[in-house]
PDB file of all heavy atoms in Angstrom:
ATOM      1  N   PHE A   1      95.378 124.140  53.090  1.00  0.00           N
ATOM      2  CA  PHE A   1      95.704 123.544  54.385  1.00  0.00           C
ATOM      3  C   PHE A   1      95.491 124.540  55.518  1.00  0.00           C
ATOM      4  O   PHE A   1      95.871 125.709  55.423  1.00  0.00           O
ATOM      5  CB  PHE A   1      97.148 123.051  54.359  1.00  0.00           C
ATOM      6  CG  PHE A   1      97.697 122.590  55.675  1.00  0.00           C
ATOM      7  CD1 PHE A   1      97.028 121.625  56.423  1.00  0.00           C
ATOM      8  CD2 PHE A   1      98.885 123.109  56.173  1.00  0.00           C
ATOM      9  CE1 PHE A   1      97.532 121.200  57.644  1.00  0.00           C
ATOM     10  CE2 PHE A   1      99.404 122.676  57.377  1.00  0.00           C
ATOM     11  CZ  PHE A   1      98.723 121.729  58.120  1.00  0.00           C
ATOM     12  N   ASN A   2      94.882 124.063  56.593  1.00  0.00           N
ATOM     13  CA  ASN A   2      94.586 124.844  57.804  1.00  0.00           C
ATOM     14  C   ASN A   2      93.603 125.989  57.586  1.00  0.00           C
ATOM     15  O   ASN A   2      93.412 126.825  58.463  1.00  0.00           O
ATOM     16  CB  ASN A   2      95.860 125.380  58.467  1.00  0.00           C
ATOM     17  CG  ASN A   2      96.478 124.374  59.418  1.00  0.00           C
ATOM     18  OD1 ASN A   2      95.861 123.377  59.782  1.00  0.00           O
ATOM     19  ND2 ASN A   2      97.704 124.646  59.848  1.00  0.00           N
ATOM     20  N   GLN A   3      93.009 125.984  56.433  1.00  0.00           N
ATOM     21  CA  GLN A   3      91.919 126.917  56.154  1.00  0.00           C
ATOM     22  C   GLN A   3      90.683 126.135  55.742  1.00  0.00           C
ATOM     23  O   GLN A   3      89.596 126.341  56.298  1.00  0.00           O
ATOM     24  CB  GLN A   3      92.329 127.900  55.046  1.00  0.00           C
ATOM     25  CG  GLN A   3      91.263 128.918  54.670  1.00  0.00           C
ATOM     26  CD  GLN A   3      91.773 129.885  53.616  1.00  0.00           C
ATOM     27  OE1 GLN A   3      92.863 130.435  53.722  1.00  0.00           O
ATOM     28  NE2 GLN A   3      90.994 130.087  52.552  1.00  0.00           N
ATOM     29  N   ASP A   4      90.868 125.234  54.765  1.00  0.00           N
ATOM     30  CA  ASP A   4      89.758 124.399  54.294  1.00  0.00           C
ATOM     31  C   ASP A   4      89.771 123.000  54.916  1.00  0.00           C
ATOM     32  O   ASP A   4      88.729 122.371  55.053  1.00  0.00           O
ATOM     33  CB  ASP A   4      89.810 124.270  52.778  1.00  0.00           C
ATOM     34  CG  ASP A   4      89.700 125.616  52.083  1.00  0.00           C
ATOM     35  OD1 ASP A   4      88.885 126.437  52.515  1.00  0.00           O
ATOM     36  OD2 ASP A   4      90.455 125.846  51.108  1.00  0.00           O
ATOM     37  N   PHE A   5      90.947 122.493  55.226  1.00  0.00           N
ATOM     38  CA  PHE A   5      91.052 121.177  55.851  1.00  0.00           C
ATOM     39  C   PHE A   5      92.194 121.160  56.856  1.00  0.00           C
ATOM     40  O   PHE A   5      93.082 122.027  56.815  1.00  0.00           O
ATOM     41  CB  PHE A   5      91.258 120.075  54.806  1.00  0.00           C
ATOM     42  CG  PHE A   5      92.615 120.072  54.150  1.00  0.00           C
ATOM     43  CD1 PHE A   5      93.636 119.244  54.598  1.00  0.00           C
ATOM     44  CD2 PHE A   5      92.884 120.901  53.059  1.00  0.00           C
ATOM     45  CE1 PHE A   5      94.875 119.246  53.996  1.00  0.00           C
ATOM     46  CE2 PHE A   5      94.123 120.906  52.441  1.00  0.00           C
ATOM     47  CZ  PHE A   5      95.137 120.084  52.913  1.00  0.00           C
ATOM     48  N   TYR A   6      92.163 120.162  57.746  1.00  0.00           N
ATOM     49  CA  TYR A   6      93.135 120.095  58.827  1.00  0.00           C
ATOM     50  C   TYR A   6      93.765 118.698  58.858  1.00  0.00           C
ATOM     51  O   TYR A   6      93.195 117.726  58.357  1.00  0.00           O
ATOM     52  CB  TYR A   6      92.467 120.429  60.169  1.00  0.00           C
ATOM     53  CG  TYR A   6      91.756 121.763  60.136  1.00  0.00           C
ATOM     54  CD1 TYR A   6      90.410 121.832  59.768  1.00  0.00           C
ATOM     55  CD2 TYR A   6      92.426 122.932  60.434  1.00  0.00           C
ATOM     56  CE1 TYR A   6      89.757 123.051  59.694  1.00  0.00           C
ATOM     57  CE2 TYR A   6      91.780 124.172  60.368  1.00  0.00           C
ATOM     58  CZ  TYR A   6      90.445 124.219  59.995  1.00  0.00           C
ATOM     59  OH  TYR A   6      89.805 125.445  59.928  1.00  0.00           O
ATOM     60  N   VAL A   7      94.952 118.639  59.451  1.00  0.00           N
ATOM     61  CA  VAL A   7      95.713 117.386  59.428  1.00  0.00           C
ATOM     62  C   VAL A   7      96.232 117.067  60.822  1.00  0.00           C
ATOM     63  O   VAL A   7      96.552 117.966  61.607  1.00  0.00           O
ATOM     64  CB  VAL A   7      96.885 117.481  58.421  1.00  0.00           C
ATOM     65  CG1 VAL A   7      97.774 116.237  58.515  1.00  0.00           C
ATOM     66  CG2 VAL A   7      96.350 117.631  57.000  1.00  0.00           C
ATOM     67  N   GLY A   8      96.328 115.787  61.103  1.00  0.00           N
ATOM     68  CA  GLY A   8      96.927 115.325  62.343  1.00  0.00           C
ATOM     69  C   GLY A   8      97.844 114.143  62.083  1.00  0.00           C
ATOM     70  O   GLY A   8      97.870 113.580  60.987  1.00  0.00           O
ATOM     71  N   TYR A   9      98.607 113.797  63.096  1.00  0.00           N
ATOM     72  CA  TYR A   9      99.449 112.607  63.023  1.00  0.00           C
ATOM     73  C   TYR A   9      99.331 111.859  64.343  1.00  0.00           C
ATOM     74  O   TYR A   9      99.514 112.440  65.421  1.00  0.00           O
ATOM     75  CB  TYR A   9     100.910 112.970  62.743  1.00  0.00           C
ATOM     76  CG  TYR A   9     101.797 111.740  62.593  1.00  0.00           C
ATOM     77  CD1 TYR A   9     101.849 111.050  61.397  1.00  0.00           C
ATOM     78  CD2 TYR A   9     102.540 111.263  63.663  1.00  0.00           C
ATOM     79  CE1 TYR A   9     102.637 109.911  61.262  1.00  0.00           C
ATOM     80  CE2 TYR A   9     103.326 110.119  63.538  1.00  0.00           C
ATOM     81  CZ  TYR A   9     103.364 109.447  62.334  1.00  0.00           C
ATOM     82  OH  TYR A   9     104.126 108.314  62.201  1.00  0.00           O
ATOM     83  N   SER A  10      99.023 110.567  64.251  1.00  0.00           N
ATOM     84  CA  SER A  10      98.884 109.731  65.437  1.00  0.00           C
ATOM     85  C   SER A  10      99.503 108.378  65.139  1.00  0.00           C
ATOM     86  O   SER A  10      98.858 107.512  64.541  1.00  0.00           O
ATOM     87  CB  SER A  10      97.407 109.570  65.817  1.00  0.00           C
ATOM     88  OG  SER A  10      97.263 108.765  66.978  1.00  0.00           O
ATOM     89  N   PRO A  11     100.743 108.175  65.509  1.00  0.00           N
ATOM     90  CA  PRO A  11     101.458 106.973  65.086  1.00  0.00           C
ATOM     91  C   PRO A  11     100.869 105.683  65.643  1.00  0.00           C
ATOM     92  O   PRO A  11     100.422 105.633  66.781  1.00  0.00           O
ATOM     93  CB  PRO A  11     102.867 107.193  65.647  1.00  0.00           C
ATOM     94  CG  PRO A  11     102.669 108.115  66.823  1.00  0.00           C
ATOM     95  CD  PRO A  11     101.560 109.025  66.402  1.00  0.00           C
ATOM     96  N   GLU A  12     100.849 104.663  64.803  1.00  0.00           N
ATOM     97  CA  GLU A  12     100.415 103.350  65.256  1.00  0.00           C
ATOM     98  C   GLU A  12     101.474 102.768  66.177  1.00  0.00           C
ATOM     99  O   GLU A  12     102.670 102.960  65.977  1.00  0.00           O
ATOM    100  CB  GLU A  12     100.153 102.427  64.059  1.00  0.00           C
ATOM    101  CG  GLU A  12     101.349 102.143  63.165  1.00  0.00           C
ATOM    102  CD  GLU A  12     102.230 101.006  63.634  1.00  0.00           C
ATOM    103  OE1 GLU A  12     101.851 100.291  64.589  1.00  0.00           O
ATOM    104  OE2 GLU A  12     103.329 100.858  63.076  1.00  0.00           O
ATOM    105  N   ARG A  13     101.047 102.015  67.160  1.00  0.00           N
ATOM    106  CA  ARG A  13     101.978 101.378  68.102  1.00  0.00           C
ATOM    107  C   ARG A  13     101.621  99.920  68.331  1.00  0.00           C
ATOM    108  O   ARG A  13     101.999  99.312  69.338  1.00  0.00           O
ATOM    109  CB  ARG A  13     101.955 102.134  69.437  1.00  0.00           C
ATOM    110  CG  ARG A  13     102.372 103.569  69.322  1.00  0.00           C
ATOM    111  CD  ARG A  13     102.162 104.342  70.591  1.00  0.00           C
ATOM    112  NE  ARG A  13     103.417 104.820  71.145  1.00  0.00           N
ATOM    113  CZ  ARG A  13     103.519 105.562  72.235  1.00  0.00           C
ATOM    114  NH1 ARG A  13     102.419 105.926  72.884  1.00  0.00           N
ATOM    115  NH2 ARG A  13     104.696 105.955  72.682  1.00  0.00           N
ATOM    116  N   ILE A  14     100.889  99.363  67.372  1.00  0.00           N
ATOM    117  CA  ILE A  14     100.454  97.979  67.482  1.00  0.00           C
ATOM    118  C   ILE A  14     101.644  97.037  67.332  1.00  0.00           C
ATOM    119  O   ILE A  14     102.519  97.246  66.489  1.00  0.00           O
ATOM    120  CB  ILE A  14      99.374  97.663  66.426  1.00  0.00           C
ATOM    121  CG1 ILE A  14      98.076  98.393  66.775  1.00  0.00           C
ATOM    122  CG2 ILE A  14      99.121  96.166  66.326  1.00  0.00           C
ATOM    123  CD1 ILE A  14      97.011  98.280  65.699  1.00  0.00           C
ATOM    124  N   ASN A  15     101.667  96.009  68.131  1.00  0.00           N
ATOM    125  CA  ASN A  15     102.674  94.960  68.067  1.00  0.00           C
ATOM    126  C   ASN A  15     102.034  93.724  67.427  1.00  0.00           C
ATOM    127  O   ASN A  15     101.263  93.019  68.091  1.00  0.00           O
ATOM    128  CB  ASN A  15     103.182  94.627  69.472  1.00  0.00           C
ATOM    129  CG  ASN A  15     104.295  93.597  69.476  1.00  0.00           C
ATOM    130  OD1 ASN A  15     105.017  93.451  68.493  1.00  0.00           O
ATOM    131  ND2 ASN A  15     104.428  92.856  70.566  1.00  0.00           N
ATOM    132  N   PRO A  16     102.308  93.440  66.122  1.00  0.00           N
ATOM    133  CA  PRO A  16     101.645  92.322  65.441  1.00  0.00           C
ATOM    134  C   PRO A  16     101.756  91.007  66.201  1.00  0.00           C
ATOM    135  O   PRO A  16     102.818  90.641  66.689  1.00  0.00           O
ATOM    136  CB  PRO A  16     102.394  92.233  64.101  1.00  0.00           C
ATOM    137  CG  PRO A  16     102.867  93.617  63.854  1.00  0.00           C
ATOM    138  CD  PRO A  16     103.227  94.149  65.211  1.00  0.00           C
ATOM    139  N   GLY A  17     100.630  90.320  66.313  1.00  0.00           N
ATOM    140  CA  GLY A  17     100.612  89.021  66.980  1.00  0.00           C
ATOM    141  C   GLY A  17     100.440  89.087  68.482  1.00  0.00           C
ATOM    142  O   GLY A  17     100.207  88.068  69.136  1.00  0.00           O
ATOM    143  N   ASP A  18     100.538  90.290  69.055  1.00  0.00           N
ATOM    144  CA  ASP A  18     100.427  90.469  70.511  1.00  0.00           C
ATOM    145  C   ASP A  18      98.954  90.551  70.897  1.00  0.00           C
ATOM    146  O   ASP A  18      98.249  91.483  70.511  1.00  0.00           O
ATOM    147  CB  ASP A  18     101.162  91.747  70.925  1.00  0.00           C
ATOM    148  CG  ASP A  18     101.339  91.871  72.431  1.00  0.00           C
ATOM    149  OD1 ASP A  18     100.539  91.288  73.186  1.00  0.00           O
ATOM    150  OD2 ASP A  18     102.277  92.569  72.867  1.00  0.00           O
ATOM    151  N   LYS A  19      98.496  89.578  71.664  1.00  0.00           N
ATOM    152  CA  LYS A  19      97.101  89.545  72.081  1.00  0.00           C
ATOM    153  C   LYS A  19      96.889  90.149  73.476  1.00  0.00           C
ATOM    154  O   LYS A  19      95.761  90.160  73.981  1.00  0.00           O
ATOM    155  CB  LYS A  19      96.580  88.105  72.065  1.00  0.00           C
ATOM    156  CG  LYS A  19      96.716  87.421  70.700  1.00  0.00           C
ATOM    157  CD  LYS A  19      96.050  88.223  69.589  1.00  0.00           C
ATOM    158  CE  LYS A  19      96.195  87.558  68.237  1.00  0.00           C
ATOM    159  NZ  LYS A  19      95.679  88.420  67.126  1.00  0.00           N
ATOM    160  N   VAL A  20      97.971  90.649  74.085  1.00  0.00           N
ATOM    161  CA  VAL A  20      97.888  91.285  75.398  1.00  0.00           C
ATOM    162  C   VAL A  20      97.920  92.804  75.248  1.00  0.00           C
ATOM    163  O   VAL A  20      97.020  93.510  75.697  1.00  0.00           O
ATOM    164  CB  VAL A  20      99.046  90.806  76.315  1.00  0.00           C
ATOM    165  CG1 VAL A  20      98.975  91.538  77.664  1.00  0.00           C
ATOM    166  CG2 VAL A  20      98.972  89.299  76.528  1.00  0.00           C
ATOM    167  N   ASN A  21      98.974  93.310  74.607  1.00  0.00           N
ATOM    168  CA  ASN A  21      99.095  94.752  74.381  1.00  0.00           C
ATOM    169  C   ASN A  21      98.405  95.120  73.065  1.00  0.00           C
ATOM    170  O   ASN A  21      99.043  95.380  72.054  1.00  0.00           O
ATOM    171  CB  ASN A  21     100.568  95.149  74.354  1.00  0.00           C
ATOM    172  CG  ASN A  21     101.282  94.811  75.641  1.00  0.00           C
ATOM    173  OD1 ASN A  21     100.934  95.322  76.705  1.00  0.00           O
ATOM    174  ND2 ASN A  21     102.269  93.918  75.571  1.00  0.00           N
ATOM    175  N   THR A  22      97.100  95.156  73.112  1.00  0.00           N
ATOM    176  CA  THR A  22      96.297  95.438  71.929  1.00  0.00           C
ATOM    177  C   THR A  22      96.074  96.943  71.776  1.00  0.00           C
ATOM    178  O   THR A  22      96.471  97.741  72.629  1.00  0.00           O
ATOM    179  CB  THR A  22      94.953  94.702  72.007  1.00  0.00           C
ATOM    180  OG1 THR A  22      94.329  95.006  73.262  1.00  0.00           O
ATOM    181  CG2 THR A  22      95.161  93.188  71.917  1.00  0.00           C
ATOM    182  N   LEU A  23      95.429  97.321  70.678  1.00  0.00           N
ATOM    183  CA  LEU A  23      95.241  98.726  70.310  1.00  0.00           C
ATOM    184  C   LEU A  23      94.761  99.597  71.463  1.00  0.00           C
ATOM    185  O   LEU A  23      95.347 100.649  71.754  1.00  0.00           O
ATOM    186  CB  LEU A  23      94.252  98.816  69.150  1.00  0.00           C
ATOM    187  CG  LEU A  23      93.782 100.238  68.763  1.00  0.00           C
ATOM    188  CD1 LEU A  23      94.927 101.030  68.158  1.00  0.00           C
ATOM    189  CD2 LEU A  23      92.604 100.166  67.790  1.00  0.00           C
ATOM    190  N   THR A  24      93.706  99.201  72.133  1.00  0.00           N
ATOM    191  CA  THR A  24      93.097 100.047  73.162  1.00  0.00           C
ATOM    192  C   THR A  24      93.911 100.113  74.448  1.00  0.00           C
ATOM    193  O   THR A  24      93.672 100.973  75.292  1.00  0.00           O
ATOM    194  CB  THR A  24      91.674  99.566  73.502  1.00  0.00           C
ATOM    195  OG1 THR A  24      91.727  98.234  74.018  1.00  0.00           O
ATOM    196  CG2 THR A  24      90.789  99.586  72.251  1.00  0.00           C
ATOM    197  N   LYS A  25      94.888  99.196  74.592  1.00  0.00           N
ATOM    198  CA  LYS A  25      95.675  99.124  75.821  1.00  0.00           C
ATOM    199  C   LYS A  25      97.030  99.810  75.704  1.00  0.00           C
ATOM    200  O   LYS A  25      97.853  99.723  76.621  1.00  0.00           O
ATOM    201  CB  LYS A  25      95.862  97.663  76.233  1.00  0.00           C
ATOM    202  CG  LYS A  25      94.542  96.941  76.520  1.00  0.00           C
ATOM    203  CD  LYS A  25      94.771  95.475  76.786  1.00  0.00           C
ATOM    204  CE  LYS A  25      93.449  94.741  77.002  1.00  0.00           C
ATOM    205  NZ  LYS A  25      93.659  93.275  77.180  1.00  0.00           N
ATOM    206  N   ILE A  26      97.266 100.475  74.587  1.00  0.00           N
ATOM    207  CA  ILE A  26      98.533 101.176  74.357  1.00  0.00           C
ATOM    208  C   ILE A  26      98.248 102.673  74.272  1.00  0.00           C
ATOM    209  O   ILE A  26      97.404 103.104  73.482  1.00  0.00           O
ATOM    210  CB  ILE A  26      99.207 100.706  73.054  1.00  0.00           C
ATOM    211  CG1 ILE A  26      99.393  99.187  73.048  1.00  0.00           C
ATOM    212  CG2 ILE A  26     100.552 101.403  72.874  1.00  0.00           C
ATOM    213  CD1 ILE A  26      99.822  98.630  71.703  1.00  0.00           C
ATOM    214  N   THR A  27      98.932 103.462  75.076  1.00  0.00           N
ATOM    215  CA  THR A  27      98.747 104.911  75.043  1.00  0.00           C
ATOM    216  C   THR A  27      98.920 105.432  73.615  1.00  0.00           C
ATOM    217  O   THR A  27      99.864 105.078  72.924  1.00  0.00           O
ATOM    218  CB  THR A  27      99.752 105.609  75.969  1.00  0.00           C
ATOM    219  OG1 THR A  27      99.581 105.125  77.309  1.00  0.00           O
ATOM    220  CG2 THR A  27      99.552 107.119  75.951  1.00  0.00           C
ATOM    221  N   LYS A  28      97.999 106.252  73.166  1.00  0.00           N
ATOM    222  CA  LYS A  28      97.989 106.759  71.792  1.00  0.00           C
ATOM    223  C   LYS A  28      98.540 108.181  71.756  1.00  0.00           C
ATOM    224  O   LYS A  28      98.040 109.079  72.431  1.00  0.00           O
ATOM    225  CB  LYS A  28      96.560 106.766  71.248  1.00  0.00           C
ATOM    226  CG  LYS A  28      96.499 106.846  69.717  1.00  0.00           C
ATOM    227  CD  LYS A  28      96.675 105.525  69.094  1.00  0.00           C
ATOM    228  CE  LYS A  28      96.278 105.438  67.646  1.00  0.00           C
ATOM    229  NZ  LYS A  28      97.255 106.070  66.725  1.00  0.00           N
ATOM    230  N   ILE A  29      99.597 108.373  70.993  1.00  0.00           N
ATOM    231  CA  ILE A  29     100.115 109.715  70.755  1.00  0.00           C
ATOM    232  C   ILE A  29      99.245 110.395  69.709  1.00  0.00           C
ATOM    233  O   ILE A  29      98.928 109.802  68.671  1.00  0.00           O
ATOM    234  CB  ILE A  29     101.579 109.667  70.276  1.00  0.00           C
ATOM    235  CG1 ILE A  29     102.486 109.085  71.360  1.00  0.00           C
ATOM    236  CG2 ILE A  29     102.065 111.060  69.878  1.00  0.00           C
ATOM    237  CD1 ILE A  29     103.914 108.849  70.897  1.00  0.00           C
ATOM    238  N   THR A  30      98.855 111.633  69.950  1.00  0.00           N
ATOM    239  CA  THR A  30      98.052 112.392  68.993  1.00  0.00           C
ATOM    240  C   THR A  30      98.685 113.754  68.746  1.00  0.00           C
ATOM    241  O   THR A  30      99.470 114.252  69.552  1.00  0.00           O
ATOM    242  CB  THR A  30      96.606 112.588  69.490  1.00  0.00           C
ATOM    243  OG1 THR A  30      96.609 113.464  70.644  1.00  0.00           O
ATOM    244  CG2 THR A  30      95.955 111.255  69.864  1.00  0.00           C
TER     245      THR A  30
END
């Protein structure tokens, strides 16, 4: 880890069934 490969965490914030606040319209934590 951190020598041969690297890791990140980016939580999903999708609201199932919501057609207004979709994936691209929600700020993404990285």
